[in-house]
Amino acid sequence: MRINHWAMAITIFILIATGFYIASPYTVFGGETVSKFTMGNYRFWHILFGVILTFLFIWRMYLAFFSGFHADWKDFFAWTNIKNTIKQIKFYALISKEPPEHTHLYGPLQSISYAGLLFMVLLIILTGLILMGAGYHTGMTAITYGILKPFETLMGGLAMVRWFHHILMWLFILFIVVHMYMAFWYDVIFKEGTISSMVSGIVFRKDHK
């Protein structure tokens, strides 16, 4: 689970960095033409890590349904406990000092945000595959593009797919900022070593004996 988390985090950071250049490339003026393949290089790394993200997403979905521990699909529905969800909102808004009950791996708001994150990953993969496959006429890439062609048409064409792909990038950036802030905040308030557990795999629990 930790390997999947960090691999996906690193992959997303690289995709954001290369995506910024692809969206707004700078011009290389001097030098030989052979050395002016900057866009091609950035696009290569963007596509490579896009494919890696696709397999990481498939792996995460496998863990959600077939893992031998409790980090499965049911944890993404912790928000359905409305009473507990309201309690967490009050706690995070500093209205109440009573923390929500942890009946799942994720808290109610966590379950919503993480489910939303995986949905965004799915959308950015689909739009990315369309943008990648638009220039191919043979091979698996072209076949994948043919399958996703109705999705492109539904979105209003390649220009809209690219725009949506770009907007999703900014949503990822927003999620990362909020996610990191909340992770540190939660660690400071509850002092359970949540952040260090994502590195070591060890979680601190208070002894109530």
N, C-alpha and C. Protein backbone atom coordinates (compact mmCIF):
# COMPACT_ATOMS: atom_id res chain seq x y z
N MET A 1 0.84 -1.21 0.00
CA MET A 1 0.00 0.00 0.00
C MET A 1 0.87 1.25 0.00
N ARG A 2 1.94 1.23 0.84
CA ARG A 2 2.85 2.38 0.91
C ARG A 2 3.62 2.54 -0.39
N ILE A 3 4.03 1.42 -0.98
CA ILE A 3 4.74 1.48 -2.25
C ILE A 3 3.86 2.10 -3.32
N ASN A 4 2.60 1.70 -3.35
CA ASN A 4 1.66 2.25 -4.33
C ASN A 4 1.47 3.74 -4.10
N HIS A 5 1.35 4.15 -2.84
CA HIS A 5 1.14 5.56 -2.50
C HIS A 5 2.30 6.42 -2.98
N TRP A 6 3.52 6.03 -2.62
CA TRP A 6 4.69 6.84 -2.96
C TRP A 6 5.01 6.78 -4.45
N ALA A 7 4.79 5.62 -5.06
CA ALA A 7 5.03 5.52 -6.51
C ALA A 7 4.06 6.42 -7.27
N MET A 8 2.81 6.44 -6.82
CA MET A 8 1.82 7.30 -7.46
C MET A 8 2.13 8.78 -7.21
N ALA A 9 2.60 9.10 -6.00
CA ALA A 9 2.94 10.49 -5.68
C ALA A 9 4.09 10.99 -6.55
N ILE A 10 5.15 10.20 -6.66
CA ILE A 10 6.31 10.57 -7.49
C ILE A 10 5.90 10.70 -8.94
N THR A 11 5.09 9.75 -9.41
CA THR A 11 4.62 9.76 -10.79
C THR A 11 3.82 11.02 -11.10
N ILE A 12 2.92 11.38 -10.19
CA ILE A 12 2.07 12.57 -10.40
C ILE A 12 2.92 13.84 -10.41
N PHE A 13 3.91 13.93 -9.53
CA PHE A 13 4.80 15.10 -9.51
C PHE A 13 5.54 15.25 -10.84
N ILE A 14 6.04 14.14 -11.37
CA ILE A 14 6.75 14.17 -12.66
C ILE A 14 5.80 14.55 -13.79
N LEU A 15 4.58 14.03 -13.75
CA LEU A 15 3.59 14.35 -14.78
C LEU A 15 3.21 15.83 -14.73
N ILE A 16 3.10 16.39 -13.53
CA ILE A 16 2.78 17.81 -13.40
C ILE A 16 3.91 18.66 -13.97
N ALA A 17 5.16 18.31 -13.62
CA ALA A 17 6.32 19.08 -14.09
C ALA A 17 6.43 19.04 -15.61
N THR A 18 6.34 17.86 -16.20
CA THR A 18 6.44 17.73 -17.66
C THR A 18 5.20 18.31 -18.34
N GLY A 19 4.05 18.19 -17.68
CA GLY A 19 2.82 18.74 -18.23
C GLY A 19 2.85 20.25 -18.35
N PHE A 20 3.48 20.92 -17.39
CA PHE A 20 3.61 22.37 -17.45
C PHE A 20 4.39 22.79 -18.69
N TYR A 21 5.47 22.06 -18.99
CA TYR A 21 6.26 22.42 -20.17
C TYR A 21 5.48 22.16 -21.46
N ILE A 22 4.80 21.02 -21.52
CA ILE A 22 4.03 20.68 -22.72
C ILE A 22 2.94 21.72 -22.96
N ALA A 23 2.32 22.21 -21.87
CA ALA A 23 1.25 23.20 -22.00
C ALA A 23 1.78 24.55 -22.43
N SER A 24 3.00 24.90 -21.96
CA SER A 24 3.57 26.21 -22.29
C SER A 24 5.07 26.07 -22.53
N PRO A 25 5.47 25.55 -23.69
CA PRO A 25 6.89 25.30 -23.95
C PRO A 25 7.66 26.59 -24.21
N TYR A 26 8.94 26.58 -23.85
CA TYR A 26 9.80 27.72 -24.17
C TYR A 26 10.55 27.42 -25.46
N THR A 27 10.99 28.44 -26.13
CA THR A 27 11.66 28.31 -27.42
C THR A 27 13.17 28.18 -27.24
N VAL A 28 13.75 27.22 -27.95
CA VAL A 28 15.20 27.05 -27.94
C VAL A 28 15.75 27.71 -29.20
N PHE A 29 16.52 28.78 -29.06
CA PHE A 29 16.97 29.55 -30.20
C PHE A 29 18.29 29.04 -30.79
N GLY A 30 19.33 28.96 -29.98
CA GLY A 30 20.66 28.64 -30.50
C GLY A 30 20.95 27.15 -30.58
N GLY A 31 22.07 26.81 -31.24
CA GLY A 31 22.50 25.42 -31.28
C GLY A 31 22.04 24.68 -32.51
N GLU A 32 22.54 23.44 -32.64
CA GLU A 32 22.18 22.59 -33.76
C GLU A 32 20.76 22.06 -33.64
N THR A 33 20.15 21.79 -34.77
CA THR A 33 18.77 21.29 -34.79
C THR A 33 18.65 19.97 -34.04
N VAL A 34 19.70 19.15 -34.13
CA VAL A 34 19.65 17.84 -33.49
C VAL A 34 19.47 17.93 -31.98
N SER A 35 19.89 19.07 -31.40
CA SER A 35 19.78 19.24 -29.94
C SER A 35 18.47 19.93 -29.54
N LYS A 36 17.64 20.26 -30.53
CA LYS A 36 16.38 20.97 -30.25
C LYS A 36 15.19 20.01 -30.24
N PHE A 37 15.31 19.00 -29.39
CA PHE A 37 14.24 18.01 -29.30
C PHE A 37 13.62 18.03 -27.90
N THR A 38 13.59 19.23 -27.31
CA THR A 38 13.14 19.37 -25.93
C THR A 38 11.71 18.91 -25.74
N MET A 39 10.82 19.35 -26.63
CA MET A 39 9.42 18.95 -26.52
C MET A 39 9.27 17.44 -26.65
N GLY A 40 10.01 16.84 -27.58
CA GLY A 40 9.95 15.39 -27.76
C GLY A 40 10.39 14.65 -26.50
N ASN A 41 11.44 15.17 -25.86
CA ASN A 41 11.93 14.54 -24.64
C ASN A 41 10.93 14.66 -23.49
N TYR A 42 10.37 15.86 -23.33
CA TYR A 42 9.38 16.06 -22.27
C TYR A 42 8.14 15.20 -22.52
N ARG A 43 7.73 15.13 -23.78
CA ARG A 43 6.55 14.34 -24.12
C ARG A 43 6.80 12.85 -23.86
N PHE A 44 8.04 12.40 -24.17
CA PHE A 44 8.39 11.00 -23.92
C PHE A 44 8.24 10.65 -22.44
N TRP A 45 8.83 11.50 -21.56
CA TRP A 45 8.75 11.24 -20.13
C TRP A 45 7.33 11.37 -19.61
N HIS A 46 6.58 12.30 -20.18
CA HIS A 46 5.18 12.48 -19.77
C HIS A 46 4.35 11.24 -20.11
N ILE A 47 4.54 10.74 -21.31
CA ILE A 47 3.81 9.54 -21.73
C ILE A 47 4.25 8.33 -20.92
N LEU A 48 5.57 8.18 -20.70
CA LEU A 48 6.09 7.05 -19.93
C LEU A 48 5.48 6.99 -18.55
N PHE A 49 5.50 8.13 -17.85
CA PHE A 49 4.96 8.14 -16.49
C PHE A 49 3.43 8.13 -16.49
N GLY A 50 2.82 8.54 -17.59
CA GLY A 50 1.38 8.38 -17.73
C GLY A 50 0.99 6.91 -17.79
N VAL A 51 1.79 6.13 -18.50
CA VAL A 51 1.56 4.68 -18.59
C VAL A 51 1.81 4.04 -17.22
N ILE A 52 2.86 4.50 -16.52
CA ILE A 52 3.14 3.99 -15.17
C ILE A 52 1.97 4.28 -14.24
N LEU A 53 1.42 5.50 -14.33
CA LEU A 53 0.26 5.87 -13.51
C LEU A 53 -0.93 4.96 -13.80
N THR A 54 -1.09 4.60 -15.06
CA THR A 54 -2.19 3.70 -15.45
C THR A 54 -2.07 2.36 -14.74
N PHE A 55 -0.88 1.80 -14.73
CA PHE A 55 -0.68 0.50 -14.08
C PHE A 55 -0.76 0.61 -12.56
N LEU A 56 -0.32 1.75 -12.00
CA LEU A 56 -0.45 1.97 -10.56
C LEU A 56 -1.92 2.07 -10.16
N PHE A 57 -2.72 2.70 -11.02
CA PHE A 57 -4.16 2.81 -10.76
C PHE A 57 -4.83 1.44 -10.80
N ILE A 58 -4.46 0.64 -11.79
CA ILE A 58 -5.00 -0.73 -11.88
C ILE A 58 -4.62 -1.53 -10.64
N TRP A 59 -3.36 -1.37 -10.20
CA TRP A 59 -2.88 -2.06 -9.01
C TRP A 59 -3.67 -1.63 -7.77
N ARG A 60 -3.95 -0.31 -7.66
CA ARG A 60 -4.72 0.20 -6.50
C ARG A 60 -6.13 -0.34 -6.51
N MET A 61 -6.73 -0.45 -7.69
CA MET A 61 -8.07 -1.01 -7.78
C MET A 61 -8.08 -2.49 -7.41
N TYR A 62 -7.02 -3.19 -7.77
CA TYR A 62 -6.88 -4.60 -7.39
C TYR A 62 -6.81 -4.72 -5.86
N LEU A 63 -6.00 -3.84 -5.23
CA LEU A 63 -5.88 -3.86 -3.78
C LEU A 63 -7.22 -3.55 -3.11
N ALA A 64 -8.00 -2.68 -3.74
CA ALA A 64 -9.28 -2.28 -3.17
C ALA A 64 -10.27 -3.44 -3.10
N PHE A 65 -10.17 -4.38 -4.03
CA PHE A 65 -11.15 -5.47 -4.09
C PHE A 65 -10.58 -6.83 -3.68
N PHE A 66 -9.28 -7.01 -3.75
CA PHE A 66 -8.70 -8.33 -3.49
C PHE A 66 -7.58 -8.33 -2.46
N SER A 67 -7.40 -7.23 -1.73
CA SER A 67 -6.33 -7.18 -0.73
C SER A 67 -6.70 -8.02 0.49
N GLY A 68 -5.68 -8.41 1.24
CA GLY A 68 -5.91 -9.20 2.43
C GLY A 68 -5.99 -8.36 3.69
N PHE A 69 -6.16 -7.05 3.57
CA PHE A 69 -6.28 -6.18 4.73
C PHE A 69 -7.48 -5.26 4.54
N HIS A 70 -7.68 -4.32 5.48
CA HIS A 70 -8.93 -3.54 5.50
C HIS A 70 -8.90 -2.28 4.66
N ALA A 71 -7.85 -2.04 3.88
CA ALA A 71 -7.82 -0.86 3.01
C ALA A 71 -8.50 -1.19 1.69
N ASP A 72 -9.78 -1.52 1.76
CA ASP A 72 -10.48 -1.97 0.55
C ASP A 72 -11.59 -0.99 0.16
N TRP A 73 -12.40 -1.41 -0.79
CA TRP A 73 -13.40 -0.52 -1.36
C TRP A 73 -14.41 -0.01 -0.34
N LYS A 74 -14.67 -0.79 0.72
CA LYS A 74 -15.66 -0.37 1.73
C LYS A 74 -15.19 0.87 2.49
N ASP A 75 -13.87 1.05 2.59
CA ASP A 75 -13.36 2.22 3.31
C ASP A 75 -13.65 3.53 2.58
N PHE A 76 -13.92 3.46 1.28
CA PHE A 76 -14.24 4.66 0.52
C PHE A 76 -15.67 5.13 0.75
N PHE A 77 -16.43 4.35 1.53
CA PHE A 77 -17.83 4.71 1.80
C PHE A 77 -18.04 5.06 3.27
N ALA A 78 -16.95 5.46 3.95
CA ALA A 78 -17.08 5.87 5.35
C ALA A 78 -18.00 7.08 5.50
N TRP A 79 -18.09 7.88 4.43
CA TRP A 79 -18.91 9.10 4.47
C TRP A 79 -20.41 8.80 4.55
N THR A 80 -20.80 7.55 4.27
CA THR A 80 -22.23 7.21 4.31
C THR A 80 -22.77 7.23 5.74
N ASN A 81 -21.88 7.20 6.72
CA ASN A 81 -22.28 7.40 8.12
C ASN A 81 -22.43 8.91 8.33
N ILE A 82 -23.61 9.42 8.00
CA ILE A 82 -23.84 10.87 7.98
C ILE A 82 -23.57 11.52 9.33
N LYS A 83 -23.97 10.86 10.41
CA LYS A 83 -23.76 11.41 11.76
C LYS A 83 -22.27 11.60 12.03
N ASN A 84 -21.48 10.61 11.65
CA ASN A 84 -20.04 10.68 11.84
C ASN A 84 -19.40 11.72 10.92
N THR A 85 -19.95 11.86 9.71
CA THR A 85 -19.45 12.85 8.76
C THR A 85 -19.66 14.26 9.29
N ILE A 86 -20.86 14.53 9.83
CA ILE A 86 -21.17 15.84 10.41
C ILE A 86 -20.25 16.12 11.60
N LYS A 87 -19.99 15.06 12.40
CA LYS A 87 -19.11 15.20 13.56
C LYS A 87 -17.69 15.57 13.13
N GLN A 88 -17.22 14.98 12.02
CA GLN A 88 -15.88 15.29 11.54
C GLN A 88 -15.80 16.71 10.99
N ILE A 89 -16.85 17.13 10.29
CA ILE A 89 -16.87 18.50 9.76
C ILE A 89 -16.80 19.51 10.91
N LYS A 90 -17.56 19.27 11.98
CA LYS A 90 -17.55 20.15 13.14
C LYS A 90 -16.17 20.15 13.81
N PHE A 91 -15.55 18.98 13.84
CA PHE A 91 -14.23 18.85 14.48
C PHE A 91 -13.17 19.60 13.68
N TYR A 92 -13.18 19.42 12.35
CA TYR A 92 -12.21 20.11 11.50
C TYR A 92 -12.45 21.61 11.45
N ALA A 93 -13.72 22.02 11.60
CA ALA A 93 -14.06 23.44 11.58
C ALA A 93 -13.86 24.10 12.95
N LEU A 94 -13.35 23.31 13.92
CA LEU A 94 -13.07 23.78 15.29
C LEU A 94 -14.34 24.20 16.02
N ILE A 95 -15.47 23.63 15.60
CA ILE A 95 -16.74 23.91 16.28
C ILE A 95 -16.90 22.98 17.48
N SER A 96 -16.38 21.76 17.33
CA SER A 96 -16.47 20.76 18.39
C SER A 96 -15.09 20.17 18.67
N LYS A 97 -14.86 19.78 19.93
CA LYS A 97 -13.60 19.15 20.31
C LYS A 97 -13.68 17.63 20.27
N GLU A 98 -14.87 17.13 19.95
CA GLU A 98 -15.07 15.68 19.92
C GLU A 98 -14.71 15.14 18.53
N PRO A 99 -13.66 14.32 18.43
CA PRO A 99 -13.26 13.77 17.12
C PRO A 99 -14.24 12.70 16.66
N PRO A 100 -14.32 12.45 15.37
CA PRO A 100 -15.22 11.42 14.85
C PRO A 100 -14.70 10.02 15.18
N GLU A 101 -15.60 9.07 15.21
CA GLU A 101 -15.21 7.68 15.44
C GLU A 101 -14.53 7.14 14.19
N HIS A 102 -13.48 6.32 14.40
CA HIS A 102 -12.79 5.72 13.27
C HIS A 102 -13.32 4.31 13.06
N THR A 103 -14.37 4.20 12.28
CA THR A 103 -14.96 2.89 12.01
C THR A 103 -14.37 2.26 10.76
N HIS A 104 -13.68 3.06 9.94
CA HIS A 104 -13.03 2.58 8.72
C HIS A 104 -11.57 3.03 8.73
N LEU A 105 -10.83 2.60 7.74
CA LEU A 105 -9.44 3.04 7.62
C LEU A 105 -9.39 4.55 7.44
N TYR A 106 -10.31 5.09 6.62
CA TYR A 106 -10.37 6.53 6.37
C TYR A 106 -11.50 7.15 7.18
N GLY A 107 -11.33 8.42 7.53
CA GLY A 107 -12.41 9.16 8.12
C GLY A 107 -13.43 9.49 7.04
N PRO A 108 -14.60 10.00 7.42
CA PRO A 108 -15.65 10.32 6.44
C PRO A 108 -15.19 11.26 5.32
N LEU A 109 -14.53 12.38 5.70
CA LEU A 109 -14.08 13.34 4.69
C LEU A 109 -12.90 12.78 3.89
N GLN A 110 -12.07 11.97 4.55
CA GLN A 110 -10.98 11.31 3.84
C GLN A 110 -11.51 10.39 2.76
N SER A 111 -12.55 9.65 3.10
CA SER A 111 -13.10 8.69 2.14
C SER A 111 -13.63 9.40 0.90
N ILE A 112 -14.24 10.58 1.09
CA ILE A 112 -14.74 11.36 -0.04
C ILE A 112 -13.58 11.87 -0.89
N SER A 113 -12.56 12.44 -0.22
CA SER A 113 -11.44 13.03 -0.95
C SER A 113 -10.63 11.96 -1.68
N TYR A 114 -10.40 10.80 -1.06
CA TYR A 114 -9.60 9.76 -1.70
C TYR A 114 -10.36 9.09 -2.85
N ALA A 115 -11.66 8.94 -2.67
CA ALA A 115 -12.48 8.41 -3.77
C ALA A 115 -12.47 9.40 -4.93
N GLY A 116 -12.55 10.70 -4.58
CA GLY A 116 -12.49 11.72 -5.62
C GLY A 116 -11.15 11.74 -6.32
N LEU A 117 -10.07 11.51 -5.56
CA LEU A 117 -8.73 11.46 -6.15
C LEU A 117 -8.61 10.33 -7.16
N LEU A 118 -9.08 9.15 -6.78
CA LEU A 118 -9.00 8.00 -7.69
C LEU A 118 -9.86 8.23 -8.94
N PHE A 119 -10.99 8.91 -8.76
CA PHE A 119 -11.84 9.24 -9.92
C PHE A 119 -11.11 10.21 -10.84
N MET A 120 -10.39 11.18 -10.25
CA MET A 120 -9.61 12.12 -11.06
C MET A 120 -8.48 11.40 -11.78
N VAL A 121 -7.85 10.43 -11.11
CA VAL A 121 -6.80 9.65 -11.74
C VAL A 121 -7.36 8.90 -12.95
N LEU A 122 -8.55 8.32 -12.78
CA LEU A 122 -9.19 7.61 -13.89
C LEU A 122 -9.45 8.56 -15.06
N LEU A 123 -9.97 9.75 -14.77
CA LEU A 123 -10.28 10.71 -15.83
C LEU A 123 -9.03 11.22 -16.53
N ILE A 124 -7.97 11.47 -15.76
CA ILE A 124 -6.75 12.00 -16.38
C ILE A 124 -6.05 10.92 -17.19
N ILE A 125 -6.22 9.66 -16.80
CA ILE A 125 -5.68 8.55 -17.59
C ILE A 125 -6.44 8.43 -18.91
N LEU A 126 -7.77 8.48 -18.85
CA LEU A 126 -8.60 8.36 -20.06
C LEU A 126 -8.32 9.51 -21.03
N THR A 127 -8.28 10.74 -20.51
CA THR A 127 -8.01 11.88 -21.39
C THR A 127 -6.57 11.83 -21.92
N GLY A 128 -5.65 11.35 -21.09
CA GLY A 128 -4.26 11.22 -21.53
C GLY A 128 -4.10 10.19 -22.63
N LEU A 129 -4.81 9.07 -22.51
CA LEU A 129 -4.75 8.03 -23.54
C LEU A 129 -5.32 8.54 -24.86
N ILE A 130 -6.36 9.37 -24.79
CA ILE A 130 -6.94 9.95 -26.00
C ILE A 130 -5.93 10.89 -26.66
N LEU A 131 -5.32 11.77 -25.88
CA LEU A 131 -4.35 12.72 -26.43
C LEU A 131 -3.12 12.00 -26.99
N MET A 132 -2.70 10.92 -26.33
CA MET A 132 -1.55 10.16 -26.82
C MET A 132 -1.89 9.40 -28.09
N GLY A 133 -3.08 8.83 -28.14
CA GLY A 133 -3.44 7.96 -29.26
C GLY A 133 -3.91 8.69 -30.51
N ALA A 134 -4.18 9.99 -30.38
CA ALA A 134 -4.71 10.74 -31.52
C ALA A 134 -3.75 10.77 -32.70
N GLY A 135 -2.46 10.65 -32.45
CA GLY A 135 -1.48 10.72 -33.53
C GLY A 135 -1.00 9.36 -34.02
N TYR A 136 -1.61 8.29 -33.54
CA TYR A 136 -1.20 6.93 -33.94
C TYR A 136 -2.28 6.27 -34.80
N HIS A 137 -1.84 5.45 -35.73
CA HIS A 137 -2.78 4.76 -36.62
C HIS A 137 -2.67 3.25 -36.55
N THR A 138 -1.63 2.74 -35.89
CA THR A 138 -1.46 1.29 -35.73
C THR A 138 -0.99 1.01 -34.31
N GLY A 139 -1.05 -0.26 -33.94
CA GLY A 139 -0.57 -0.68 -32.63
C GLY A 139 -1.61 -0.55 -31.53
N MET A 140 -1.19 -0.94 -30.32
CA MET A 140 -2.10 -0.93 -29.17
C MET A 140 -2.60 0.48 -28.84
N THR A 141 -1.72 1.48 -29.04
CA THR A 141 -2.11 2.87 -28.76
C THR A 141 -3.27 3.30 -29.64
N ALA A 142 -3.19 2.94 -30.92
CA ALA A 142 -4.26 3.29 -31.85
C ALA A 142 -5.56 2.54 -31.52
N ILE A 143 -5.42 1.28 -31.10
CA ILE A 143 -6.59 0.49 -30.73
C ILE A 143 -7.28 1.10 -29.51
N THR A 144 -6.45 1.49 -28.52
CA THR A 144 -6.99 2.13 -27.31
C THR A 144 -7.70 3.43 -27.66
N TYR A 145 -7.10 4.20 -28.57
CA TYR A 145 -7.71 5.46 -29.00
C TYR A 145 -9.05 5.21 -29.68
N GLY A 146 -9.11 4.15 -30.50
CA GLY A 146 -10.37 3.81 -31.17
C GLY A 146 -11.47 3.47 -30.18
N ILE A 147 -11.09 2.78 -29.11
CA ILE A 147 -12.07 2.41 -28.08
C ILE A 147 -12.58 3.65 -27.34
N LEU A 148 -11.66 4.61 -27.11
CA LEU A 148 -12.01 5.81 -26.35
C LEU A 148 -12.54 6.95 -27.22
N LYS A 149 -12.60 6.74 -28.52
CA LYS A 149 -13.07 7.78 -29.45
C LYS A 149 -14.46 8.32 -29.08
N PRO A 150 -15.43 7.46 -28.71
CA PRO A 150 -16.74 7.99 -28.31
C PRO A 150 -16.65 8.92 -27.10
N PHE A 151 -15.70 8.64 -26.19
CA PHE A 151 -15.50 9.49 -25.02
C PHE A 151 -14.99 10.86 -25.45
N GLU A 152 -14.10 10.88 -26.46
CA GLU A 152 -13.60 12.14 -27.01
C GLU A 152 -14.73 12.94 -27.65
N THR A 153 -15.56 12.26 -28.42
CA THR A 153 -16.70 12.91 -29.08
C THR A 153 -17.67 13.48 -28.06
N LEU A 154 -17.90 12.71 -26.99
CA LEU A 154 -18.81 13.14 -25.93
C LEU A 154 -18.31 14.42 -25.26
N MET A 155 -16.98 14.55 -25.15
CA MET A 155 -16.39 15.71 -24.49
C MET A 155 -16.30 16.92 -25.42
N GLY A 156 -16.52 16.73 -26.72
CA GLY A 156 -16.53 17.85 -27.65
C GLY A 156 -15.29 18.00 -28.49
N GLY A 157 -14.50 16.92 -28.61
CA GLY A 157 -13.32 16.97 -29.48
C GLY A 157 -12.01 17.03 -28.71
N LEU A 158 -10.91 16.94 -29.47
CA LEU A 158 -9.58 16.89 -28.86
C LEU A 158 -9.23 18.14 -28.06
N ALA A 159 -9.65 19.31 -28.55
CA ALA A 159 -9.34 20.56 -27.86
C ALA A 159 -9.94 20.57 -26.45
N MET A 160 -11.17 20.08 -26.33
CA MET A 160 -11.83 20.03 -25.03
C MET A 160 -11.20 18.97 -24.14
N VAL A 161 -10.77 17.87 -24.74
CA VAL A 161 -10.10 16.81 -23.98
C VAL A 161 -8.81 17.35 -23.37
N ARG A 162 -8.05 18.11 -24.20
CA ARG A 162 -6.80 18.70 -23.72
C ARG A 162 -7.07 19.71 -22.62
N TRP A 163 -8.10 20.53 -22.77
CA TRP A 163 -8.46 21.52 -21.76
C TRP A 163 -8.83 20.84 -20.45
N PHE A 164 -9.63 19.79 -20.54
CA PHE A 164 -10.07 19.05 -19.35
C PHE A 164 -8.88 18.38 -18.67
N HIS A 165 -7.96 17.83 -19.48
CA HIS A 165 -6.75 17.20 -18.98
C HIS A 165 -5.92 18.23 -18.19
N HIS A 166 -5.85 19.44 -18.70
CA HIS A 166 -5.09 20.51 -18.06
C HIS A 166 -5.75 20.96 -16.75
N ILE A 167 -7.08 21.07 -16.75
CA ILE A 167 -7.82 21.45 -15.55
C ILE A 167 -7.63 20.41 -14.46
N LEU A 168 -7.63 19.14 -14.84
CA LEU A 168 -7.42 18.06 -13.88
C LEU A 168 -6.06 18.19 -13.20
N MET A 169 -5.06 18.65 -13.95
CA MET A 169 -3.74 18.85 -13.38
C MET A 169 -3.80 19.85 -12.22
N TRP A 170 -4.53 20.94 -12.41
CA TRP A 170 -4.65 21.95 -11.36
C TRP A 170 -5.43 21.40 -10.17
N LEU A 171 -6.40 20.53 -10.42
CA LEU A 171 -7.13 19.90 -9.32
C LEU A 171 -6.22 18.98 -8.52
N PHE A 172 -5.29 18.31 -9.21
CA PHE A 172 -4.30 17.48 -8.52
C PHE A 172 -3.41 18.34 -7.63
N ILE A 173 -2.99 19.48 -8.14
CA ILE A 173 -2.15 20.39 -7.36
C ILE A 173 -2.90 20.86 -6.11
N LEU A 174 -4.18 21.21 -6.27
CA LEU A 174 -5.00 21.63 -5.14
C LEU A 174 -5.12 20.50 -4.12
N PHE A 175 -5.35 19.28 -4.61
CA PHE A 175 -5.48 18.13 -3.71
C PHE A 175 -4.19 17.91 -2.92
N ILE A 176 -3.04 18.01 -3.59
CA ILE A 176 -1.75 17.79 -2.94
C ILE A 176 -1.54 18.78 -1.80
N VAL A 177 -1.85 20.05 -2.05
CA VAL A 177 -1.68 21.09 -1.03
C VAL A 177 -2.55 20.79 0.18
N VAL A 178 -3.84 20.51 -0.06
CA VAL A 178 -4.78 20.24 1.04
C VAL A 178 -4.40 18.94 1.74
N HIS A 179 -4.04 17.91 0.98
CA HIS A 179 -3.67 16.61 1.53
C HIS A 179 -2.47 16.72 2.47
N MET A 180 -1.44 17.44 2.06
CA MET A 180 -0.24 17.59 2.88
C MET A 180 -0.54 18.40 4.14
N TYR A 181 -1.34 19.46 3.99
CA TYR A 181 -1.71 20.27 5.15
C TYR A 181 -2.48 19.44 6.17
N MET A 182 -3.50 18.70 5.71
CA MET A 182 -4.33 17.90 6.60
C MET A 182 -3.54 16.76 7.24
N ALA A 183 -2.60 16.18 6.50
CA ALA A 183 -1.78 15.09 7.04
C ALA A 183 -0.94 15.59 8.22
N PHE A 184 -0.31 16.76 8.05
CA PHE A 184 0.50 17.33 9.13
C PHE A 184 -0.39 17.77 10.30
N TRP A 185 -1.54 18.37 9.97
CA TRP A 185 -2.47 18.83 11.01
C TRP A 185 -2.95 17.65 11.85
N TYR A 186 -3.33 16.59 11.18
CA TYR A 186 -3.82 15.38 11.88
C TYR A 186 -2.73 14.79 12.76
N ASP A 187 -1.49 14.80 12.25
CA ASP A 187 -0.36 14.25 13.00
C ASP A 187 -0.07 15.06 14.25
N VAL A 188 -0.19 16.37 14.14
CA VAL A 188 0.07 17.26 15.28
C VAL A 188 -1.02 17.12 16.35
N ILE A 189 -2.27 17.02 15.91
CA ILE A 189 -3.40 16.95 16.84
C ILE A 189 -3.47 15.61 17.56
N PHE A 190 -3.36 14.51 16.82
CA PHE A 190 -3.55 13.18 17.41
C PHE A 190 -2.25 12.50 17.84
N LYS A 191 -1.12 12.99 17.32
CA LYS A 191 0.20 12.47 17.71
C LYS A 191 0.26 10.94 17.60
N GLU A 192 -0.17 10.43 16.45
CA GLU A 192 -0.15 8.98 16.22
C GLU A 192 0.92 8.57 15.21
N GLY A 193 1.75 9.51 14.78
CA GLY A 193 2.80 9.17 13.83
C GLY A 193 2.27 8.76 12.47
N THR A 194 1.18 9.40 12.05
CA THR A 194 0.55 9.04 10.77
C THR A 194 1.48 9.26 9.59
N ILE A 195 2.20 10.39 9.60
CA ILE A 195 3.09 10.70 8.48
C ILE A 195 4.26 9.73 8.45
N SER A 196 4.89 9.49 9.62
CA SER A 196 6.03 8.56 9.65
C SER A 196 5.59 7.15 9.30
N SER A 197 4.33 6.81 9.57
CA SER A 197 3.84 5.47 9.25
C SER A 197 3.82 5.22 7.74
N MET A 198 3.68 6.29 6.95
CA MET A 198 3.69 6.14 5.50
C MET A 198 5.10 5.84 4.98
N VAL A 199 6.10 6.02 5.85
CA VAL A 199 7.48 5.68 5.50
C VAL A 199 7.89 4.36 6.13
N SER A 200 7.60 4.24 7.44
CA SER A 200 8.06 3.06 8.18
C SER A 200 7.06 1.91 8.18
N GLY A 201 5.76 2.24 8.03
CA GLY A 201 4.74 1.20 8.11
C GLY A 201 4.27 0.95 9.53
N ILE A 202 4.79 1.73 10.50
CA ILE A 202 4.44 1.55 11.91
C ILE A 202 3.55 2.71 12.36
N VAL A 203 2.41 2.39 13.00
CA VAL A 203 1.49 3.40 13.49
C VAL A 203 1.47 3.35 15.02
N PHE A 204 1.54 4.50 15.67
CA PHE A 204 1.51 4.58 17.12
C PHE A 204 0.06 4.57 17.61
N ARG A 205 -0.21 3.73 18.61
CA ARG A 205 -1.53 3.69 19.24
C ARG A 205 -1.37 3.87 20.73
N LYS A 206 -2.27 4.67 21.34
CA LYS A 206 -2.21 4.90 22.78
C LYS A 206 -2.65 3.64 23.53
N ASP A 207 -1.96 3.36 24.61
CA ASP A 207 -2.29 2.23 25.46
C ASP A 207 -3.30 2.69 26.51
N HIS A 208 -4.51 2.15 26.43
CA HIS A 208 -5.59 2.58 27.33
C HIS A 208 -5.73 1.67 28.55
N LYS A 209 -4.76 0.77 28.76
CA LYS A 209 -4.83 -0.14 29.90
C LYS A 209 -4.60 0.61 31.22
